[in-house]
PDB file of all heavy atoms in Angstrom:
ATOM      1  N   ALA A   1      -8.616 -71.164  35.367  1.00  0.00           N
ATOM      2  CA  ALA A   1      -9.834 -70.418  35.040  1.00  0.00           C
ATOM      3  C   ALA A   1     -10.983 -71.231  35.618  1.00  0.00           C
ATOM      4  O   ALA A   1     -11.037 -72.454  35.455  1.00  0.00           O
ATOM      5  CB  ALA A   1      -9.991 -70.274  33.528  1.00  0.00           C
ATOM      6  N   VAL A   2     -11.893 -70.557  36.316  1.00  0.00           N
ATOM      7  CA  VAL A   2     -13.011 -71.228  36.977  1.00  0.00           C
ATOM      8  C   VAL A   2     -14.306 -70.550  36.550  1.00  0.00           C
ATOM      9  O   VAL A   2     -14.410 -69.320  36.588  1.00  0.00           O
ATOM     10  CB  VAL A   2     -12.861 -71.162  38.512  1.00  0.00           C
ATOM     11  CG1 VAL A   2     -14.068 -71.783  39.205  1.00  0.00           C
ATOM     12  CG2 VAL A   2     -11.570 -71.841  38.954  1.00  0.00           C
ATOM     13  N   GLU A   3     -15.271 -71.368  36.147  1.00  0.00           N
ATOM     14  CA  GLU A   3     -16.601 -70.852  35.848  1.00  0.00           C
ATOM     15  C   GLU A   3     -17.598 -71.552  36.760  1.00  0.00           C
ATOM     16  O   GLU A   3     -17.631 -72.775  36.831  1.00  0.00           O
ATOM     17  CB  GLU A   3     -16.981 -71.070  34.396  1.00  0.00           C
ATOM     18  CG  GLU A   3     -18.330 -70.453  34.083  1.00  0.00           C
ATOM     19  CD  GLU A   3     -18.636 -70.366  32.610  1.00  0.00           C
ATOM     20  OE1 GLU A   3     -17.689 -70.385  31.799  1.00  0.00           O
ATOM     21  OE2 GLU A   3     -19.829 -70.278  32.277  1.00  0.00           O
ATOM     22  N   VAL A   4     -18.388 -70.759  37.471  1.00  0.00           N
ATOM     23  CA  VAL A   4     -19.365 -71.271  38.423  1.00  0.00           C
ATOM     24  C   VAL A   4     -20.755 -70.838  37.971  1.00  0.00           C
ATOM     25  O   VAL A   4     -20.966 -69.664  37.654  1.00  0.00           O
ATOM     26  CB  VAL A   4     -19.093 -70.704  39.842  1.00  0.00           C
ATOM     27  CG1 VAL A   4     -20.178 -71.125  40.812  1.00  0.00           C
ATOM     28  CG2 VAL A   4     -17.717 -71.121  40.334  1.00  0.00           C
ATOM     29  N   THR A   5     -21.681 -71.782  37.943  1.00  0.00           N
ATOM     30  CA  THR A   5     -23.084 -71.454  37.732  1.00  0.00           C
ATOM     31  C   THR A   5     -23.825 -71.877  38.988  1.00  0.00           C
ATOM     32  O   THR A   5     -23.772 -73.048  39.371  1.00  0.00           O
ATOM     33  CB  THR A   5     -23.665 -72.161  36.499  1.00  0.00           C
ATOM     34  OG1 THR A   5     -22.859 -71.853  35.353  1.00  0.00           O
ATOM     35  CG2 THR A   5     -25.099 -71.716  36.246  1.00  0.00           C
ATOM     36  N   LEU A   6     -24.472 -70.922  39.631  1.00  0.00           N
ATOM     37  CA  LEU A   6     -25.222 -71.176  40.862  1.00  0.00           C
ATOM     38  C   LEU A   6     -26.701 -71.338  40.539  1.00  0.00           C
ATOM     39  O   LEU A   6     -27.290 -70.486  39.877  1.00  0.00           O
ATOM     40  CB  LEU A   6     -25.039 -70.018  41.834  1.00  0.00           C
ATOM     41  CG  LEU A   6     -23.622 -69.787  42.349  1.00  0.00           C
ATOM     42  CD1 LEU A   6     -23.542 -68.457  43.082  1.00  0.00           C
ATOM     43  CD2 LEU A   6     -23.190 -70.933  43.244  1.00  0.00           C
ATOM     44  N   PHE A   7     -27.267 -72.434  40.992  1.00  0.00           N
ATOM     45  CA  PHE A   7     -28.690 -72.715  40.820  1.00  0.00           C
ATOM     46  C   PHE A   7     -29.329 -72.631  42.207  1.00  0.00           C
ATOM     47  O   PHE A   7     -29.297 -73.611  42.961  1.00  0.00           O
ATOM     48  CB  PHE A   7     -28.894 -74.101  40.204  1.00  0.00           C
ATOM     49  CG  PHE A   7     -28.241 -74.248  38.861  1.00  0.00           C
ATOM     50  CD1 PHE A   7     -26.983 -74.823  38.739  1.00  0.00           C
ATOM     51  CD2 PHE A   7     -28.880 -73.805  37.714  1.00  0.00           C
ATOM     52  CE1 PHE A   7     -26.368 -74.959  37.501  1.00  0.00           C
ATOM     53  CE2 PHE A   7     -28.274 -73.930  36.467  1.00  0.00           C
ATOM     54  CZ  PHE A   7     -27.017 -74.508  36.362  1.00  0.00           C
ATOM     55  N   PRO A   8     -29.869 -71.460  42.583  1.00  0.00           N
ATOM     56  CA  PRO A   8     -30.371 -71.278  43.942  1.00  0.00           C
ATOM     57  C   PRO A   8     -31.581 -72.167  44.244  1.00  0.00           C
ATOM     58  O   PRO A   8     -32.315 -72.557  43.337  1.00  0.00           O
ATOM     59  CB  PRO A   8     -30.752 -69.796  43.985  1.00  0.00           C
ATOM     60  CG  PRO A   8     -30.826 -69.342  42.581  1.00  0.00           C
ATOM     61  CD  PRO A   8     -30.016 -70.276  41.749  1.00  0.00           C
ATOM     62  N   PRO A   9     -31.779 -72.466  45.539  1.00  0.00           N
ATOM     63  CA  PRO A   9     -32.876 -73.349  45.931  1.00  0.00           C
ATOM     64  C   PRO A   9     -34.243 -72.659  45.947  1.00  0.00           C
ATOM     65  O   PRO A   9     -35.270 -73.323  46.008  1.00  0.00           O
ATOM     66  CB  PRO A   9     -32.485 -73.791  47.345  1.00  0.00           C
ATOM     67  CG  PRO A   9     -31.615 -72.695  47.844  1.00  0.00           C
ATOM     68  CD  PRO A   9     -30.892 -72.156  46.645  1.00  0.00           C
ATOM     69  N   ASP A  10     -34.242 -71.316  45.923  1.00  0.00           N
ATOM     70  CA  ASP A  10     -35.510 -70.582  45.936  1.00  0.00           C
ATOM     71  C   ASP A  10     -35.268 -69.187  45.368  1.00  0.00           C
ATOM     72  O   ASP A  10     -34.158 -68.863  44.963  1.00  0.00           O
ATOM     73  CB  ASP A  10     -36.097 -70.526  47.353  1.00  0.00           C
ATOM     74  CG  ASP A  10     -35.126 -69.950  48.365  1.00  0.00           C
ATOM     75  OD1 ASP A  10     -34.492 -68.917  48.062  1.00  0.00           O
ATOM     76  OD2 ASP A  10     -34.988 -70.535  49.456  1.00  0.00           O
ATOM     77  N   ARG A  11     -36.291 -68.370  45.351  1.00  0.00           N
ATOM     78  CA  ARG A  11     -36.207 -67.048  44.719  1.00  0.00           C
ATOM     79  C   ARG A  11     -35.780 -65.919  45.665  1.00  0.00           C
ATOM     80  O   ARG A  11     -35.821 -64.755  45.293  1.00  0.00           O
ATOM     81  CB  ARG A  11     -37.552 -66.696  44.084  1.00  0.00           C
ATOM     82  CG  ARG A  11     -37.922 -67.644  42.976  1.00  0.00           C
ATOM     83  CD  ARG A  11     -38.951 -67.044  42.043  1.00  0.00           C
ATOM     84  NE  ARG A  11     -39.293 -67.973  40.984  1.00  0.00           N
ATOM     85  CZ  ARG A  11     -38.562 -68.231  39.910  1.00  0.00           C
ATOM     86  NH1 ARG A  11     -37.409 -67.623  39.745  1.00  0.00           N
ATOM     87  NH2 ARG A  11     -38.957 -69.089  39.002  1.00  0.00           N
ATOM     88  N   ARG A  12     -35.338 -66.266  46.878  1.00  0.00           N
ATOM     89  CA  ARG A  12     -34.859 -65.220  47.783  1.00  0.00           C
ATOM     90  C   ARG A  12     -33.684 -64.479  47.166  1.00  0.00           C
ATOM     91  O   ARG A  12     -32.910 -65.051  46.393  1.00  0.00           O
ATOM     92  CB  ARG A  12     -34.421 -65.819  49.121  1.00  0.00           C
ATOM     93  CG  ARG A  12     -35.586 -66.164  50.008  1.00  0.00           C
ATOM     94  CD  ARG A  12     -35.103 -66.624  51.359  1.00  0.00           C
ATOM     95  NE  ARG A  12     -34.479 -67.933  51.211  1.00  0.00           N
ATOM     96  CZ  ARG A  12     -33.736 -68.517  52.115  1.00  0.00           C
ATOM     97  NH1 ARG A  12     -33.465 -67.919  53.249  1.00  0.00           N
ATOM     98  NH2 ARG A  12     -33.234 -69.714  51.912  1.00  0.00           N
ATOM     99  N   ARG A  13     -33.529 -63.224  47.545  1.00  0.00           N
ATOM    100  CA  ARG A  13     -32.396 -62.429  47.049  1.00  0.00           C
ATOM    101  C   ARG A  13     -31.101 -62.979  47.637  1.00  0.00           C
ATOM    102  O   ARG A  13     -31.017 -63.227  48.835  1.00  0.00           O
ATOM    103  CB  ARG A  13     -32.556 -60.975  47.453  1.00  0.00           C
ATOM    104  CG  ARG A  13     -33.670 -60.282  46.701  1.00  0.00           C
ATOM    105  CD  ARG A  13     -33.826 -58.867  47.145  1.00  0.00           C
ATOM    106  NE  ARG A  13     -32.561 -58.161  46.974  1.00  0.00           N
ATOM    107  CZ  ARG A  13     -32.410 -56.867  47.158  1.00  0.00           C
ATOM    108  NH1 ARG A  13     -33.416 -56.135  47.539  1.00  0.00           N
ATOM    109  NH2 ARG A  13     -31.236 -56.289  46.986  1.00  0.00           N
ATOM    110  N   ARG A  14     -30.131 -63.178  46.782  1.00  0.00           N
ATOM    111  CA  ARG A  14     -28.818 -63.660  47.214  1.00  0.00           C
ATOM    112  C   ARG A  14     -27.743 -62.941  46.410  1.00  0.00           C
ATOM    113  O   ARG A  14     -27.913 -62.721  45.223  1.00  0.00           O
ATOM    114  CB  ARG A  14     -28.671 -65.164  46.949  1.00  0.00           C
ATOM    115  CG  ARG A  14     -29.496 -66.049  47.821  1.00  0.00           C
ATOM    116  CD  ARG A  14     -29.240 -67.514  47.441  1.00  0.00           C
ATOM    117  NE  ARG A  14     -29.738 -68.418  48.432  1.00  0.00           N
ATOM    118  CZ  ARG A  14     -31.007 -68.799  48.539  1.00  0.00           C
ATOM    119  NH1 ARG A  14     -31.896 -68.335  47.683  1.00  0.00           N
ATOM    120  NH2 ARG A  14     -31.382 -69.633  49.478  1.00  0.00           N
ATOM    121  N   ASP A  15     -26.645 -62.633  47.054  1.00  0.00           N
ATOM    122  CA  ASP A  15     -25.474 -62.104  46.352  1.00  0.00           C
ATOM    123  C   ASP A  15     -24.633 -63.296  45.912  1.00  0.00           C
ATOM    124  O   ASP A  15     -24.220 -64.098  46.763  1.00  0.00           O
ATOM    125  CB  ASP A  15     -24.638 -61.220  47.276  1.00  0.00           C
ATOM    126  CG  ASP A  15     -25.364 -59.960  47.722  1.00  0.00           C
ATOM    127  OD1 ASP A  15     -26.352 -59.596  47.067  1.00  0.00           O
ATOM    128  OD2 ASP A  15     -24.937 -59.374  48.721  1.00  0.00           O
ATOM    129  N   VAL A  16     -24.371 -63.414  44.612  1.00  0.00           N
ATOM    130  CA  VAL A  16     -23.632 -64.588  44.133  1.00  0.00           C
ATOM    131  C   VAL A  16     -22.228 -64.652  44.717  1.00  0.00           C
ATOM    132  O   VAL A  16     -21.707 -65.743  44.949  1.00  0.00           O
ATOM    133  CB  VAL A  16     -23.594 -64.665  42.588  1.00  0.00           C
ATOM    134  CG1 VAL A  16     -24.979 -64.904  42.022  1.00  0.00           C
ATOM    135  CG2 VAL A  16     -22.933 -63.450  41.973  1.00  0.00           C
ATOM    136  N   ASP A  17     -21.627 -63.498  44.999  1.00  0.00           N
ATOM    137  CA  ASP A  17     -20.271 -63.525  45.539  1.00  0.00           C
ATOM    138  C   ASP A  17     -20.219 -64.111  46.951  1.00  0.00           C
ATOM    139  O   ASP A  17     -19.189 -64.628  47.368  1.00  0.00           O
ATOM    140  CB  ASP A  17     -19.628 -62.142  45.495  1.00  0.00           C
ATOM    141  CG  ASP A  17     -20.375 -61.096  46.302  1.00  0.00           C
ATOM    142  OD1 ASP A  17     -21.629 -61.112  46.290  1.00  0.00           O
ATOM    143  OD2 ASP A  17     -19.716 -60.246  46.926  1.00  0.00           O
ATOM    144  N   ASN A  18     -21.325 -64.085  47.694  1.00  0.00           N
ATOM    145  CA  ASN A  18     -21.332 -64.664  49.038  1.00  0.00           C
ATOM    146  C   ASN A  18     -21.232 -66.183  49.026  1.00  0.00           C
ATOM    147  O   ASN A  18     -20.899 -66.786  50.039  1.00  0.00           O
ATOM    148  CB  ASN A  18     -22.592 -64.247  49.804  1.00  0.00           C
ATOM    149  CG  ASN A  18     -22.466 -62.865  50.384  1.00  0.00           C
ATOM    150  OD1 ASN A  18     -21.379 -62.299  50.463  1.00  0.00           O
ATOM    151  ND2 ASN A  18     -23.585 -62.290  50.769  1.00  0.00           N
ATOM    152  N   ALA A  19     -21.525 -66.817  47.909  1.00  0.00           N
ATOM    153  CA  ALA A  19     -21.450 -68.280  47.815  1.00  0.00           C
ATOM    154  C   ALA A  19     -20.058 -68.768  47.417  1.00  0.00           C
ATOM    155  O   ALA A  19     -19.725 -69.937  47.608  1.00  0.00           O
ATOM    156  CB  ALA A  19     -22.474 -68.787  46.799  1.00  0.00           C
ATOM    157  N   LEU A  20     -19.243 -67.867  46.893  1.00  0.00           N
ATOM    158  CA  LEU A  20     -17.959 -68.295  46.324  1.00  0.00           C
ATOM    159  C   LEU A  20     -16.940 -68.777  47.341  1.00  0.00           C
ATOM    160  O   LEU A  20     -16.254 -69.772  47.112  1.00  0.00           O
ATOM    161  CB  LEU A  20     -17.347 -67.168  45.495  1.00  0.00           C
ATOM    162  CG  LEU A  20     -18.067 -66.878  44.204  1.00  0.00           C
ATOM    163  CD1 LEU A  20     -17.397 -65.709  43.498  1.00  0.00           C
ATOM    164  CD2 LEU A  20     -18.094 -68.098  43.317  1.00  0.00           C
ATOM    165  N   LYS A  21     -16.785 -68.081  48.441  1.00  0.00           N
ATOM    166  CA  LYS A  21     -15.715 -68.419  49.389  1.00  0.00           C
ATOM    167  C   LYS A  21     -15.851 -69.854  49.887  1.00  0.00           C
ATOM    168  O   LYS A  21     -14.886 -70.614  49.875  1.00  0.00           O
ATOM    169  CB  LYS A  21     -15.702 -67.435  50.559  1.00  0.00           C
ATOM    170  CG  LYS A  21     -14.545 -67.652  51.503  1.00  0.00           C
ATOM    171  CD  LYS A  21     -13.220 -67.448  50.810  1.00  0.00           C
ATOM    172  CE  LYS A  21     -12.065 -67.627  51.778  1.00  0.00           C
ATOM    173  NZ  LYS A  21     -10.798 -67.803  51.091  1.00  0.00           N
ATOM    174  N   ALA A  22     -17.051 -70.225  50.326  1.00  0.00           N
ATOM    175  CA  ALA A  22     -17.259 -71.588  50.830  1.00  0.00           C
ATOM    176  C   ALA A  22     -16.992 -72.617  49.738  1.00  0.00           C
ATOM    177  O   ALA A  22     -16.350 -73.639  49.984  1.00  0.00           O
ATOM    178  CB  ALA A  22     -18.682 -71.745  51.367  1.00  0.00           C
ATOM    179  N   MET A  23     -17.474 -72.348  48.532  1.00  0.00           N
ATOM    180  CA  MET A  23     -17.300 -73.310  47.451  1.00  0.00           C
ATOM    181  C   MET A  23     -15.836 -73.442  47.041  1.00  0.00           C
ATOM    182  O   MET A  23     -15.314 -74.557  46.952  1.00  0.00           O
ATOM    183  CB  MET A  23     -18.131 -72.923  46.226  1.00  0.00           C
ATOM    184  CG  MET A  23     -18.031 -73.964  45.142  1.00  0.00           C
ATOM    185  SD  MET A  23     -18.871 -73.573  43.613  1.00  0.00           S
ATOM    186  CE  MET A  23     -20.108 -72.465  44.085  1.00  0.00           C
ATOM    187  N   LEU A  24     -15.167 -72.336  46.806  1.00  0.00           N
ATOM    188  CA  LEU A  24     -13.772 -72.405  46.361  1.00  0.00           C
ATOM    189  C   LEU A  24     -12.871 -72.995  47.438  1.00  0.00           C
ATOM    190  O   LEU A  24     -11.962 -73.774  47.143  1.00  0.00           O
ATOM    191  CB  LEU A  24     -13.286 -71.027  45.922  1.00  0.00           C
ATOM    192  CG  LEU A  24     -14.004 -70.448  44.700  1.00  0.00           C
ATOM    193  CD1 LEU A  24     -13.495 -69.043  44.402  1.00  0.00           C
ATOM    194  CD2 LEU A  24     -13.859 -71.341  43.480  1.00  0.00           C
ATOM    195  N   ASP A  25     -13.112 -72.649  48.679  1.00  0.00           N
ATOM    196  CA  ASP A  25     -12.364 -73.240  49.797  1.00  0.00           C
ATOM    197  C   ASP A  25     -12.566 -74.761  49.837  1.00  0.00           C
ATOM    198  O   ASP A  25     -11.614 -75.519  49.970  1.00  0.00           O
ATOM    199  CB  ASP A  25     -12.885 -72.665  51.111  1.00  0.00           C
ATOM    200  CG  ASP A  25     -11.882 -71.814  51.833  1.00  0.00           C
ATOM    201  OD1 ASP A  25     -10.927 -71.349  51.198  1.00  0.00           O
ATOM    202  OD2 ASP A  25     -12.068 -71.632  53.048  1.00  0.00           O
ATOM    203  N   SER A  26     -13.810 -75.181  49.728  1.00  0.00           N
ATOM    204  CA  SER A  26     -14.147 -76.603  49.822  1.00  0.00           C
ATOM    205  C   SER A  26     -13.604 -77.402  48.648  1.00  0.00           C
ATOM    206  O   SER A  26     -13.131 -78.524  48.825  1.00  0.00           O
ATOM    207  CB  SER A  26     -15.667 -76.772  49.921  1.00  0.00           C
ATOM    208  OG  SER A  26     -16.147 -76.149  51.086  1.00  0.00           O
ATOM    209  N   VAL A  27     -13.653 -76.821  47.468  1.00  0.00           N
ATOM    210  CA  VAL A  27     -13.128 -77.504  46.281  1.00  0.00           C
ATOM    211  C   VAL A  27     -11.612 -77.665  46.409  1.00  0.00           C
ATOM    212  O   VAL A  27     -11.058 -78.715  46.081  1.00  0.00           O
ATOM    213  CB  VAL A  27     -13.524 -76.750  44.992  1.00  0.00           C
ATOM    214  CG1 VAL A  27     -12.764 -77.257  43.785  1.00  0.00           C
ATOM    215  CG2 VAL A  27     -15.032 -76.867  44.758  1.00  0.00           C
ATOM    216  N   GLY A  28     -10.949 -76.647  46.941  1.00  0.00           N
ATOM    217  CA  GLY A  28      -9.514 -76.755  47.189  1.00  0.00           C
ATOM    218  C   GLY A  28      -9.190 -77.802  48.244  1.00  0.00           C
ATOM    219  O   GLY A  28      -8.314 -78.647  48.051  1.00  0.00           O
ATOM    220  N   LYS A  29      -9.913 -77.792  49.347  1.00  0.00           N
ATOM    221  CA  LYS A  29      -9.697 -78.795  50.397  1.00  0.00           C
ATOM    222  C   LYS A  29     -10.048 -80.194  49.895  1.00  0.00           C
ATOM    223  O   LYS A  29      -9.507 -81.180  50.387  1.00  0.00           O
ATOM    224  CB  LYS A  29     -10.541 -78.484  51.636  1.00  0.00           C
ATOM    225  CG  LYS A  29     -10.224 -77.182  52.302  1.00  0.00           C
ATOM    226  CD  LYS A  29      -8.981 -77.274  53.130  1.00  0.00           C
ATOM    227  CE  LYS A  29      -8.785 -75.953  53.880  1.00  0.00           C
ATOM    228  NZ  LYS A  29      -7.431 -75.718  54.240  1.00  0.00           N
ATOM    229  N   GLY A  30     -10.951 -80.261  48.918  1.00  0.00           N
ATOM    230  CA  GLY A  30     -11.337 -81.548  48.333  1.00  0.00           C
ATOM    231  C   GLY A  30     -10.316 -82.090  47.346  1.00  0.00           C
ATOM    232  O   GLY A  30     -10.447 -83.214  46.873  1.00  0.00           O
ATOM    233  N   GLY A  31      -9.303 -81.296  47.005  1.00  0.00           N
ATOM    234  CA  GLY A  31      -8.213 -81.793  46.177  1.00  0.00           C
ATOM    235  C   GLY A  31      -8.264 -81.415  44.710  1.00  0.00           C
ATOM    236  O   GLY A  31      -7.483 -81.932  43.915  1.00  0.00           O
ATOM    237  N   ALA A  32      -9.133 -80.482  44.306  1.00  0.00           N
ATOM    238  CA  ALA A  32      -9.209 -80.099  42.894  1.00  0.00           C
ATOM    239  C   ALA A  32      -8.007 -79.253  42.464  1.00  0.00           C
ATOM    240  O   ALA A  32      -7.589 -79.290  41.313  1.00  0.00           O
ATOM    241  CB  ALA A  32     -10.504 -79.356  42.600  1.00  0.00           C
ATOM    242  N   TYR A  33      -7.478 -78.476  43.388  1.00  0.00           N
ATOM    243  CA  TYR A  33      -6.286 -77.672  43.142  1.00  0.00           C
ATOM    244  C   TYR A  33      -5.553 -77.497  44.457  1.00  0.00           C
ATOM    245  O   TYR A  33      -6.059 -77.837  45.521  1.00  0.00           O
ATOM    246  CB  TYR A  33      -6.612 -76.324  42.493  1.00  0.00           C
ATOM    247  CG  TYR A  33      -7.810 -75.603  43.062  1.00  0.00           C
ATOM    248  CD1 TYR A  33      -7.757 -74.947  44.279  1.00  0.00           C
ATOM    249  CD2 TYR A  33      -9.006 -75.577  42.356  1.00  0.00           C
ATOM    250  CE1 TYR A  33      -8.859 -74.288  44.793  1.00  0.00           C
ATOM    251  CE2 TYR A  33     -10.113 -74.918  42.855  1.00  0.00           C
ATOM    252  CZ  TYR A  33     -10.023 -74.268  44.068  1.00  0.00           C
ATOM    253  OH  TYR A  33     -11.121 -73.614  44.568  1.00  0.00           O
ATOM    254  N   LEU A  34      -4.348 -76.963  44.388  1.00  0.00           N
ATOM    255  CA  LEU A  34      -3.531 -76.828  45.595  1.00  0.00           C
ATOM    256  C   LEU A  34      -3.994 -75.678  46.479  1.00  0.00           C
ATOM    257  O   LEU A  34      -4.020 -75.807  47.695  1.00  0.00           O
ATOM    258  CB  LEU A  34      -2.065 -76.641  45.203  1.00  0.00           C
ATOM    259  CG  LEU A  34      -1.459 -77.760  44.345  1.00  0.00           C
ATOM    260  CD1 LEU A  34      -0.045 -77.394  43.903  1.00  0.00           C
ATOM    261  CD2 LEU A  34      -1.482 -79.073  45.101  1.00  0.00           C
ATOM    262  N   ASP A  35      -4.366 -74.554  45.848  1.00  0.00           N
ATOM    263  CA  ASP A  35      -4.766 -73.375  46.607  1.00  0.00           C
ATOM    264  C   ASP A  35      -5.580 -72.463  45.697  1.00  0.00           C
ATOM    265  O   ASP A  35      -5.282 -72.357  44.503  1.00  0.00           O
ATOM    266  CB  ASP A  35      -3.515 -72.640  47.100  1.00  0.00           C
ATOM    267  CG  ASP A  35      -3.854 -71.518  48.046  1.00  0.00           C
ATOM    268  OD1 ASP A  35      -4.058 -71.795  49.241  1.00  0.00           O
ATOM    269  OD2 ASP A  35      -3.949 -70.366  47.584  1.00  0.00           O
TER     270      ASP A  35
END
């Protein structure tokens, strides 16, 4: 189970789902989980 809280750098419109792929990929490559 993963809970993510995104703290954006500014007030521009952003889709939160667009940030997930890079983060989850990187956390996996960083060794937090296998896949």
